């Protein structure tokens, strides 16, 4: 059950990152939301929790770190897609 909660939280964080960046004009890209949400939650949430001294418990610092990590990864992914599409054009 915990795994399902982690996956759902990652997808929601990834979708929130797309909404924050304004990418969701044509709808949310769910595969990107899943990938960036899970990775961003892991990297940003873990780093923020450890820096804040909260350990591995669920705290606001980890949730904010998850969102920041997902936003950074989503922005990087979108930048890479624009760079790749303009290089081939």
Protein backbone atom coordinates (compact mmCIF):
# COMPACT_ATOMS: atom_id res chain seq x y z
CA UNK A 1 0.00 0.00 0.00
CA UNK A 2 2.88 2.34 0.74
CA UNK A 3 4.29 1.81 -2.76
CA UNK A 4 0.97 2.85 -4.32
CA UNK A 5 0.86 5.96 -2.15
CA UNK A 6 4.42 6.89 -3.18
CA UNK A 7 3.60 6.41 -6.87
CA UNK A 8 0.40 8.45 -6.60
CA UNK A 9 2.19 11.22 -4.69
CA UNK A 10 4.91 11.28 -7.35
CA UNK A 11 2.39 11.61 -10.15
CA UNK A 12 0.59 14.42 -8.34
CA UNK A 13 3.86 16.26 -7.68
CA UNK A 14 4.86 15.85 -11.34
CA UNK A 15 1.49 17.17 -12.49
CA UNK A 16 1.81 20.10 -10.08
CA UNK A 17 5.25 20.85 -11.51
CA UNK A 18 3.78 21.04 -15.02
CA UNK A 19 1.02 23.35 -13.79
CA UNK A 20 3.56 25.58 -12.00
CA UNK A 21 5.64 25.85 -15.18
CA UNK A 22 2.56 26.50 -17.34
CA UNK A 23 3.14 23.38 -19.46
CA UNK A 24 -0.40 22.02 -19.03
CA UNK A 25 -2.00 24.20 -21.74
CA UNK A 26 -2.55 21.15 -23.89
CA UNK A 27 -3.14 18.88 -20.89
CA UNK A 28 -0.85 17.15 -18.47
CA UNK A 29 1.71 14.79 -19.94
CA UNK A 30 1.21 11.91 -17.50
CA UNK A 31 4.31 9.86 -18.43
CA UNK A 32 6.45 12.98 -17.86
CA UNK A 33 4.52 13.74 -14.65
CA UNK A 34 5.21 10.22 -13.40
CA UNK A 35 8.92 10.25 -14.24
CA UNK A 36 9.72 13.75 -13.02
CA UNK A 37 7.46 13.42 -9.99
CA UNK A 38 9.03 10.21 -8.75
CA UNK A 39 12.61 11.33 -9.45
CA UNK A 40 12.01 14.86 -8.15
CA UNK A 41 10.34 13.55 -5.02
CA UNK A 42 13.20 11.23 -4.36
CA UNK A 43 16.00 13.69 -5.01
CA UNK A 44 14.44 16.95 -3.79
CA UNK A 45 12.42 15.49 -0.94
CA UNK A 46 15.25 13.40 0.42
CA UNK A 47 17.75 16.24 0.15
CA UNK A 48 15.41 18.79 1.77
CA UNK A 49 14.48 16.43 4.60
CA UNK A 50 18.09 15.62 5.37
CA UNK A 51 19.23 19.25 5.19
CA UNK A 52 16.36 20.32 7.49
CA UNK A 53 17.30 17.59 9.95
CA UNK A 54 13.95 15.80 9.70
CA UNK A 55 15.45 12.47 8.70
CA UNK A 56 13.31 10.23 6.56
CA UNK A 57 9.98 11.16 8.13
CA UNK A 58 7.19 12.83 6.18
CA UNK A 59 7.51 16.52 6.99
CA UNK A 60 6.67 19.77 5.19
CA UNK A 61 10.33 20.23 4.24
CA UNK A 62 10.29 16.96 2.31
CA UNK A 63 7.04 17.81 0.57
CA UNK A 64 8.34 21.23 -0.50
CA UNK A 65 11.61 19.64 -1.58
CA UNK A 66 9.66 17.13 -3.66
CA UNK A 67 7.83 19.90 -5.49
CA UNK A 68 11.02 21.90 -6.06
CA UNK A 69 12.84 18.80 -7.32
CA UNK A 70 9.99 17.94 -9.70
CA UNK A 71 9.82 21.52 -11.00
CA UNK A 72 13.57 21.53 -11.68
CA UNK A 73 13.45 18.16 -13.45
CA UNK A 74 10.39 19.15 -15.49
CA UNK A 75 12.03 22.42 -16.52
CA UNK A 76 15.16 20.53 -17.54
CA UNK A 77 13.14 17.97 -19.49
CA UNK A 78 11.18 20.68 -21.34
CA UNK A 79 14.40 22.57 -22.09
CA UNK A 80 15.97 19.39 -23.47
CA UNK A 81 12.93 18.70 -25.68
CA UNK A 82 12.98 22.25 -27.10
CA UNK A 83 16.73 22.01 -27.68
CA UNK A 84 16.42 18.67 -29.44
CA UNK A 85 13.52 19.75 -31.65
CA UNK A 86 15.23 23.01 -32.68
CA UNK A 87 18.49 21.20 -33.50
CA UNK A 88 16.75 18.87 -35.95
CA UNK A 89 14.70 21.61 -37.60
